[in-house]
Every structure is written in structure tokens, then in C-alpha cells.
C-alpha atoms as a PDB file:
ATOM      1  CA  MET A   1      78.028 118.409  97.004  1.00  0.00           C
ATOM      2  CA  ASN A   2      81.721 118.090  96.223  1.00  0.00           C
ATOM      3  CA  LYS A   3      81.971 121.865  95.787  1.00  0.00           C
ATOM      4  CA  ILE A   4      80.422 122.379  99.231  1.00  0.00           C
ATOM      5  CA  ILE A   5      83.018 120.016 100.721  1.00  0.00           C
ATOM      6  CA  GLU A   6      85.800 121.878  98.896  1.00  0.00           C
ATOM      7  CA  ILE A   7      84.618 125.190 100.356  1.00  0.00           C
ATOM      8  CA  LEU A   8      84.364 123.692 103.844  1.00  0.00           C
ATOM      9  CA  GLU A   9      87.860 122.161 103.533  1.00  0.00           C
ATOM     10  CA  GLU A  10      89.284 125.569 102.592  1.00  0.00           C
ATOM     11  CA  LEU A  11      87.592 127.262 105.539  1.00  0.00           C
ATOM     12  CA  LYS A  12      88.240 124.557 108.131  1.00  0.00           C
ATOM     13  CA  PRO A  13      90.419 121.617 107.065  1.00  0.00           C
ATOM     14  CA  GLY A  14      90.624 118.316 108.913  1.00  0.00           C
ATOM     15  CA  VAL A  15      86.928 117.514 109.385  1.00  0.00           C
ATOM     16  CA  ASP A  16      85.223 114.456 107.870  1.00  0.00           C
ATOM     17  CA  TYR A  17      82.557 116.491 106.101  1.00  0.00           C
ATOM     18  CA  LYS A  18      81.132 113.500 104.225  1.00  0.00           C
ATOM     19  CA  ASN A  19      80.121 111.720 107.435  1.00  0.00           C
ATOM     20  CA  THR A  20      79.699 114.461 110.043  1.00  0.00           C
ATOM     21  CA  GLU A  21      76.072 115.336 110.763  1.00  0.00           C
ATOM     22  CA  ASN A  22      76.626 117.823 113.606  1.00  0.00           C
ATOM     23  CA  LEU A  23      78.877 120.497 112.127  1.00  0.00           C
ATOM     24  CA  ILE A  24      77.231 123.221 114.201  1.00  0.00           C
ATOM     25  CA  ASP A  25      76.034 121.275 117.242  1.00  0.00           C
ATOM     26  CA  GLY A  26      79.403 119.517 117.485  1.00  0.00           C
ATOM     27  CA  ARG A  27      81.180 122.870 117.305  1.00  0.00           C
ATOM     28  CA  TYR A  28      83.174 121.963 114.189  1.00  0.00           C
ATOM     29  CA  LEU A  29      82.142 125.301 112.673  1.00  0.00           C
ATOM     30  CA  ASP A  30      82.185 128.511 114.687  1.00  0.00           C
ATOM     31  CA  SER A  31      80.235 131.681 113.932  1.00  0.00           C
ATOM     32  CA  LEU A  32      83.017 133.314 111.893  1.00  0.00           C
ATOM     33  CA  THR A  33      83.447 130.178 109.795  1.00  0.00           C
ATOM     34  CA  ILE A  34      79.696 130.052 109.203  1.00  0.00           C
ATOM     35  CA  LEU A  35      79.666 133.675 108.036  1.00  0.00           C
ATOM     36  CA  SER A  36      82.525 132.924 105.643  1.00  0.00           C
ATOM     37  CA  LEU A  37      80.741 129.768 104.483  1.00  0.00           C
ATOM     38  CA  VAL A  38      77.525 131.687 103.774  1.00  0.00           C
ATOM     39  CA  SER A  39      79.471 134.249 101.749  1.00  0.00           C
ATOM     40  CA  GLU A  40      81.315 131.555  99.763  1.00  0.00           C
ATOM     41  CA  LEU A  41      78.110 129.600  99.080  1.00  0.00           C
ATOM     42  CA  GLU A  42      76.293 132.728  97.916  1.00  0.00           C
ATOM     43  CA  GLU A  43      79.115 133.541  95.513  1.00  0.00           C
ATOM     44  CA  GLU A  44      79.656 129.993  94.240  1.00  0.00           C
ATOM     45  CA  PHE A  45      76.004 129.098  93.694  1.00  0.00           C
ATOM     46  CA  ASP A  46      74.695 132.586  92.826  1.00  0.00           C
ATOM     47  CA  ILE A  47      72.124 132.559  95.609  1.00  0.00           C
ATOM     48  CA  GLU A  48      71.238 134.768  98.551  1.00  0.00           C
ATOM     49  CA  ILE A  49      70.886 133.039 101.903  1.00  0.00           C
ATOM     50  CA  PRO A  50      68.380 134.981 104.021  1.00  0.00           C
ATOM     51  CA  THR A  51      69.299 135.546 107.657  1.00  0.00           C
ATOM     52  CA  VAL A  52      66.294 133.465 108.783  1.00  0.00           C
ATOM     53  CA  GLU A  53      67.837 130.444 107.013  1.00  0.00           C
ATOM     54  CA  ILE A  54      71.148 130.715 108.893  1.00  0.00           C
ATOM     55  CA  ILE A  55      70.179 128.244 111.602  1.00  0.00           C
ATOM     56  CA  PRO A  56      72.030 125.162 112.866  1.00  0.00           C
ATOM     57  CA  ASP A  57      69.550 122.776 111.260  1.00  0.00           C
ATOM     58  CA  ASN A  58      70.461 124.069 107.775  1.00  0.00           C
ATOM     59  CA  PHE A  59      74.226 123.811 108.348  1.00  0.00           C
ATOM     60  CA  ASN A  60      74.747 120.665 110.457  1.00  0.00           C
ATOM     61  CA  SER A  61      75.765 118.503 107.478  1.00  0.00           C
ATOM     62  CA  VAL A  62      76.805 118.761 103.856  1.00  0.00           C
ATOM     63  CA  GLU A  63      73.466 117.179 102.912  1.00  0.00           C
ATOM     64  CA  LYS A  64      71.530 119.878 104.805  1.00  0.00           C
ATOM     65  CA  ILE A  65      73.641 122.644 103.243  1.00  0.00           C
ATOM     66  CA  ASN A  66      73.018 121.124  99.813  1.00  0.00           C
ATOM     67  CA  SER A  67      69.266 120.942 100.485  1.00  0.00           C
ATOM     68  CA  LEU A  68      69.242 124.613 101.482  1.00  0.00           C
ATOM     69  CA  ILE A  69      71.098 125.586  98.295  1.00  0.00           C
ATOM     70  CA  GLU A  70      68.719 123.550  96.134  1.00  0.00           C
ATOM     71  CA  LYS A  71      65.714 125.140  97.827  1.00  0.00           C
ATOM     72  CA  LEU A  72      67.091 128.653  97.324  1.00  0.00           C
ATOM     73  CA  LYS A  73      67.966 127.993  93.684  1.00  0.00           C
ATOM     74  CA  GLU A  74      64.331 127.046  93.032  1.00  0.00           C
ATOM     75  CA  ASP A  75      62.983 130.333  94.407  1.00  0.00           C
END
């Protein structure tokens, strides 16, 4: 999860990613940041994130992002 936090810090510094559970709903991440995040995650973790998975519930916290990555790595 540290790598996810590093990527998020590069894209949008100044957010407490370890404790924030509403990254999308709280408007910490906008649509352009999310697109960049998806691209970075795909490259870093060698996964492909399907469009149907790009929903707020999967990106509201580092834990949720990590769960999505783990799920996609299993497929």
C-alpha cells in the first residue's frame, strides 16, 4: 500500500491518504487525477483496470484501491 500512497502523493500532494476514506466523495481526487492514477496503477502493478471498475467505491481509500489491485492481479 505504500506504493499506492507514493503514487497518490505525486499526483496530489497534501492529503492524508492513510486516514482518508472519501477520496472521491470528498472531492480530494478529481476526474483528471483519477485517470492519471488509473494509468499509474496499471503501469506499476502490471494490471488492466476495466472501465466498469472505475467507480467511486473502488477509489475512496487506499485500502479500497489496494483491494481492487489485489482482485485484478488474481484474475
